N, C-alpha and C. Protein backbone atom coordinates (compact mmCIF):
# COMPACT_ATOMS: atom_id res chain seq x y z
N MET A 1 0.84 -1.18 0.00
CA MET A 1 0.00 0.00 0.00
C MET A 1 0.89 1.25 0.00
N VAL A 2 0.57 2.18 -0.85
CA VAL A 2 1.32 3.43 -0.97
C VAL A 2 0.88 4.36 0.16
N THR A 3 1.86 4.97 0.84
CA THR A 3 1.54 5.88 1.94
C THR A 3 2.07 7.28 1.63
N GLU A 4 1.46 8.27 2.26
CA GLU A 4 1.93 9.64 2.11
C GLU A 4 3.36 9.79 2.63
N ALA A 5 3.68 9.08 3.71
CA ALA A 5 5.03 9.16 4.27
C ALA A 5 6.07 8.67 3.25
N ALA A 6 5.76 7.60 2.54
CA ALA A 6 6.68 7.07 1.53
C ALA A 6 6.85 8.05 0.37
N VAL A 7 5.76 8.69 -0.01
CA VAL A 7 5.81 9.67 -1.10
C VAL A 7 6.63 10.88 -0.67
N ARG A 8 6.41 11.36 0.54
CA ARG A 8 7.19 12.50 1.05
C ARG A 8 8.68 12.15 1.13
N LYS A 9 8.97 10.94 1.56
CA LYS A 9 10.38 10.51 1.64
C LYS A 9 11.01 10.54 0.26
N ALA A 10 10.29 10.08 -0.74
CA ALA A 10 10.80 10.10 -2.11
C ALA A 10 11.02 11.54 -2.59
N LEU A 11 10.08 12.41 -2.28
CA LEU A 11 10.19 13.82 -2.72
C LEU A 11 11.33 14.55 -2.03
N ARG A 12 11.76 14.04 -0.88
CA ARG A 12 12.89 14.65 -0.18
C ARG A 12 14.20 14.44 -0.94
N THR A 13 14.20 13.55 -1.93
CA THR A 13 15.41 13.31 -2.72
C THR A 13 15.57 14.34 -3.83
N VAL A 14 14.54 15.14 -4.05
CA VAL A 14 14.58 16.15 -5.12
C VAL A 14 14.90 17.50 -4.49
N LYS A 15 15.99 18.11 -4.97
CA LYS A 15 16.44 19.37 -4.37
C LYS A 15 16.31 20.54 -5.32
N ASP A 16 16.00 21.68 -4.74
CA ASP A 16 16.03 22.93 -5.47
C ASP A 16 17.51 23.23 -5.74
N PRO A 17 17.91 23.39 -7.00
CA PRO A 17 19.33 23.56 -7.30
C PRO A 17 19.94 24.85 -6.75
N GLU A 18 19.13 25.88 -6.55
CA GLU A 18 19.66 27.14 -6.06
C GLU A 18 19.86 27.12 -4.54
N LEU A 19 18.89 26.58 -3.82
CA LEU A 19 18.95 26.57 -2.36
C LEU A 19 19.54 25.28 -1.80
N ASN A 20 19.63 24.25 -2.62
CA ASN A 20 20.15 22.94 -2.24
C ASN A 20 19.39 22.34 -1.06
N LEU A 21 18.09 22.60 -1.01
CA LEU A 21 17.20 22.00 -0.02
C LEU A 21 16.12 21.24 -0.77
N ASP A 22 15.59 20.20 -0.13
CA ASP A 22 14.61 19.37 -0.83
C ASP A 22 13.23 20.03 -0.87
N LEU A 23 12.40 19.50 -1.75
CA LEU A 23 11.06 20.05 -1.99
C LEU A 23 10.19 20.06 -0.73
N VAL A 24 10.33 19.04 0.10
CA VAL A 24 9.50 18.93 1.30
C VAL A 24 9.93 19.98 2.33
N VAL A 25 11.22 20.07 2.60
CA VAL A 25 11.73 21.04 3.57
C VAL A 25 11.39 22.46 3.14
N LEU A 26 11.47 22.73 1.85
CA LEU A 26 11.16 24.07 1.34
C LEU A 26 9.67 24.40 1.40
N GLY A 27 8.84 23.41 1.68
CA GLY A 27 7.40 23.66 1.73
C GLY A 27 6.79 23.79 0.35
N LEU A 28 7.42 23.19 -0.64
CA LEU A 28 6.93 23.28 -2.02
C LEU A 28 5.85 22.24 -2.33
N ILE A 29 5.70 21.25 -1.45
CA ILE A 29 4.68 20.23 -1.67
C ILE A 29 3.40 20.70 -0.96
N TYR A 30 2.41 21.02 -1.75
CA TYR A 30 1.15 21.55 -1.20
C TYR A 30 0.15 20.45 -0.85
N GLU A 31 0.13 19.39 -1.66
CA GLU A 31 -0.86 18.33 -1.41
C GLU A 31 -0.39 17.04 -2.05
N ILE A 32 -0.68 15.92 -1.37
CA ILE A 32 -0.44 14.59 -1.91
C ILE A 32 -1.74 13.83 -1.79
N ARG A 33 -2.23 13.33 -2.92
CA ARG A 33 -3.46 12.54 -2.94
C ARG A 33 -3.11 11.13 -3.43
N ILE A 34 -3.58 10.13 -2.72
CA ILE A 34 -3.30 8.74 -3.09
C ILE A 34 -4.62 8.03 -3.29
N ASP A 35 -4.74 7.39 -4.45
CA ASP A 35 -5.92 6.59 -4.76
C ASP A 35 -5.43 5.23 -5.22
N GLY A 36 -5.32 4.32 -4.27
CA GLY A 36 -4.77 3.00 -4.58
C GLY A 36 -3.30 3.10 -4.95
N ALA A 37 -2.99 2.78 -6.21
CA ALA A 37 -1.60 2.82 -6.68
C ALA A 37 -1.30 4.10 -7.45
N ARG A 38 -2.27 5.00 -7.47
CA ARG A 38 -2.11 6.25 -8.22
C ARG A 38 -1.85 7.40 -7.25
N VAL A 39 -0.86 8.24 -7.58
CA VAL A 39 -0.48 9.36 -6.71
C VAL A 39 -0.56 10.66 -7.50
N GLU A 40 -1.17 11.66 -6.88
CA GLU A 40 -1.20 13.01 -7.45
C GLU A 40 -0.54 13.94 -6.46
N VAL A 41 0.42 14.72 -6.96
CA VAL A 41 1.15 15.67 -6.13
C VAL A 41 0.88 17.07 -6.68
N THR A 42 0.50 17.98 -5.80
CA THR A 42 0.38 19.39 -6.17
C THR A 42 1.53 20.10 -5.49
N MET A 43 2.32 20.79 -6.28
CA MET A 43 3.50 21.46 -5.75
C MET A 43 3.69 22.82 -6.38
N SER A 44 4.58 23.58 -5.80
CA SER A 44 4.91 24.89 -6.33
C SER A 44 6.42 24.97 -6.52
N LEU A 45 6.88 26.11 -6.92
CA LEU A 45 8.31 26.39 -7.05
C LEU A 45 8.59 27.69 -6.31
N THR A 46 9.85 27.95 -6.03
CA THR A 46 10.18 29.17 -5.30
C THR A 46 9.90 30.41 -6.12
N SER A 47 9.84 30.25 -7.46
CA SER A 47 9.56 31.38 -8.34
C SER A 47 8.83 30.90 -9.59
N PRO A 48 7.82 31.63 -10.05
CA PRO A 48 7.14 31.26 -11.28
C PRO A 48 8.09 31.32 -12.50
N MET A 49 9.18 32.04 -12.36
CA MET A 49 10.12 32.18 -13.47
C MET A 49 11.30 31.21 -13.35
N CYS A 50 11.16 30.17 -12.56
CA CYS A 50 12.23 29.20 -12.32
C CYS A 50 12.70 28.61 -13.65
N PRO A 51 13.99 28.78 -13.97
CA PRO A 51 14.50 28.29 -15.26
C PRO A 51 14.61 26.77 -15.35
N VAL A 52 14.55 26.07 -14.21
CA VAL A 52 14.65 24.61 -14.24
C VAL A 52 13.34 23.95 -13.79
N ALA A 53 12.24 24.65 -13.95
CA ALA A 53 10.93 24.13 -13.53
C ALA A 53 10.65 22.76 -14.13
N GLY A 54 10.87 22.60 -15.41
CA GLY A 54 10.60 21.32 -16.07
C GLY A 54 11.43 20.19 -15.48
N ASP A 55 12.68 20.46 -15.19
CA ASP A 55 13.56 19.45 -14.61
C ASP A 55 13.09 19.05 -13.21
N ILE A 56 12.71 20.04 -12.41
CA ILE A 56 12.26 19.74 -11.04
C ILE A 56 10.98 18.92 -11.06
N LEU A 57 10.05 19.27 -11.92
CA LEU A 57 8.79 18.50 -12.02
C LEU A 57 9.08 17.07 -12.48
N LYS A 58 9.97 16.92 -13.44
CA LYS A 58 10.34 15.58 -13.92
C LYS A 58 10.99 14.76 -12.81
N GLN A 59 11.90 15.38 -12.07
CA GLN A 59 12.56 14.68 -10.97
C GLN A 59 11.56 14.28 -9.89
N ALA A 60 10.61 15.13 -9.60
CA ALA A 60 9.58 14.82 -8.60
C ALA A 60 8.75 13.63 -9.06
N ARG A 61 8.32 13.65 -10.31
CA ARG A 61 7.53 12.54 -10.84
C ARG A 61 8.33 11.23 -10.79
N GLU A 62 9.58 11.29 -11.23
CA GLU A 62 10.42 10.09 -11.25
C GLU A 62 10.68 9.56 -9.84
N ALA A 63 10.85 10.45 -8.87
CA ALA A 63 11.07 10.02 -7.49
C ALA A 63 9.86 9.27 -6.95
N VAL A 64 8.66 9.80 -7.21
CA VAL A 64 7.44 9.15 -6.72
C VAL A 64 7.20 7.84 -7.46
N GLU A 65 7.54 7.78 -8.72
CA GLU A 65 7.38 6.54 -9.49
C GLU A 65 8.18 5.39 -8.89
N LYS A 66 9.26 5.69 -8.18
CA LYS A 66 10.11 4.66 -7.58
C LYS A 66 9.55 4.11 -6.28
N VAL A 67 8.53 4.75 -5.73
CA VAL A 67 7.93 4.27 -4.48
C VAL A 67 7.24 2.93 -4.76
N GLU A 68 7.52 1.97 -3.89
CA GLU A 68 6.93 0.64 -4.06
C GLU A 68 5.41 0.72 -4.07
N GLY A 69 4.81 0.10 -5.09
CA GLY A 69 3.36 0.05 -5.21
C GLY A 69 2.76 1.13 -6.09
N VAL A 70 3.54 2.15 -6.43
CA VAL A 70 3.03 3.24 -7.26
C VAL A 70 2.98 2.78 -8.71
N GLU A 71 1.82 2.98 -9.34
CA GLU A 71 1.65 2.60 -10.74
C GLU A 71 1.37 3.79 -11.64
N GLY A 72 1.10 4.93 -11.07
CA GLY A 72 0.84 6.12 -11.86
C GLY A 72 1.06 7.37 -11.02
N VAL A 73 1.67 8.39 -11.65
CA VAL A 73 1.97 9.63 -10.93
C VAL A 73 1.60 10.82 -11.80
N GLU A 74 0.96 11.78 -11.17
CA GLU A 74 0.69 13.06 -11.83
C GLU A 74 1.21 14.15 -10.90
N VAL A 75 2.05 15.02 -11.43
CA VAL A 75 2.56 16.15 -10.66
C VAL A 75 1.99 17.41 -11.27
N GLU A 76 1.25 18.14 -10.46
CA GLU A 76 0.60 19.37 -10.91
C GLU A 76 1.32 20.57 -10.28
N LEU A 77 1.60 21.55 -11.08
CA LEU A 77 2.26 22.77 -10.62
C LEU A 77 1.22 23.84 -10.36
N THR A 78 1.35 24.52 -9.21
CA THR A 78 0.44 25.60 -8.88
C THR A 78 1.23 26.76 -8.28
N PHE A 79 0.70 27.93 -8.42
CA PHE A 79 1.27 29.11 -7.77
C PHE A 79 0.19 29.80 -6.93
N SER A 80 -0.80 29.00 -6.55
CA SER A 80 -1.90 29.52 -5.75
C SER A 80 -2.08 28.62 -4.52
N PRO A 81 -1.72 29.05 -3.35
CA PRO A 81 -1.15 30.35 -3.06
C PRO A 81 0.32 30.40 -3.46
N PRO A 82 0.83 31.60 -3.69
CA PRO A 82 2.25 31.72 -4.05
C PRO A 82 3.13 31.22 -2.90
N TRP A 83 4.22 30.57 -3.26
CA TRP A 83 5.17 30.11 -2.26
C TRP A 83 5.88 31.29 -1.62
N THR A 84 6.10 31.21 -0.31
CA THR A 84 6.92 32.19 0.40
C THR A 84 7.85 31.42 1.34
N ALA A 85 8.90 32.06 1.78
CA ALA A 85 9.86 31.42 2.70
C ALA A 85 9.21 31.04 4.03
N GLU A 86 8.04 31.58 4.33
CA GLU A 86 7.32 31.21 5.56
C GLU A 86 6.95 29.74 5.59
N ARG A 87 6.97 29.08 4.43
CA ARG A 87 6.63 27.66 4.37
C ARG A 87 7.80 26.78 4.82
N ILE A 88 8.99 27.36 4.95
CA ILE A 88 10.16 26.64 5.42
C ILE A 88 10.12 26.62 6.95
N PRO A 89 10.44 25.48 7.58
CA PRO A 89 10.45 25.45 9.05
C PRO A 89 11.36 26.55 9.63
N PRO A 90 10.95 27.15 10.75
CA PRO A 90 11.69 28.28 11.32
C PRO A 90 13.18 28.01 11.56
N THR A 91 13.53 26.81 12.01
CA THR A 91 14.95 26.55 12.29
C THR A 91 15.78 26.56 11.01
N ILE A 92 15.22 26.09 9.92
CA ILE A 92 15.95 26.08 8.65
C ILE A 92 16.00 27.49 8.09
N ARG A 93 14.89 28.24 8.24
CA ARG A 93 14.90 29.65 7.81
C ARG A 93 16.00 30.41 8.51
N ALA A 94 16.14 30.19 9.81
CA ALA A 94 17.16 30.88 10.59
C ALA A 94 18.56 30.52 10.10
N ALA A 95 18.77 29.24 9.81
CA ALA A 95 20.08 28.80 9.32
C ALA A 95 20.40 29.42 7.97
N LEU A 96 19.37 29.70 7.18
CA LEU A 96 19.56 30.32 5.87
C LEU A 96 19.64 31.85 5.96
N GLY A 97 19.35 32.37 7.14
CA GLY A 97 19.37 33.81 7.31
C GLY A 97 18.13 34.48 6.78
N LEU A 98 17.02 33.74 6.73
CA LEU A 98 15.76 34.29 6.22
C LEU A 98 14.84 34.74 7.35
């Protein structure tokens, strides 16, 4: 059975190339929906103008596809609500000087 914890663990392997932090820590994962073996992820990026957006979405999809039991993955990009650094845990924000 596919779990949200397993999907989040997989998404932690995908890093923002500029900040070198994973998608989960950055608060870029807005929602994970699981229906049997099918997973839908709604995520954002730190900027709508991100030059590597396609690569990050591809890496996220590929990471979730590797989770045992997953047979289908859809990664949806949203900017509503817009991402802000407030989505990063306070201790990590402090370490980054944010």
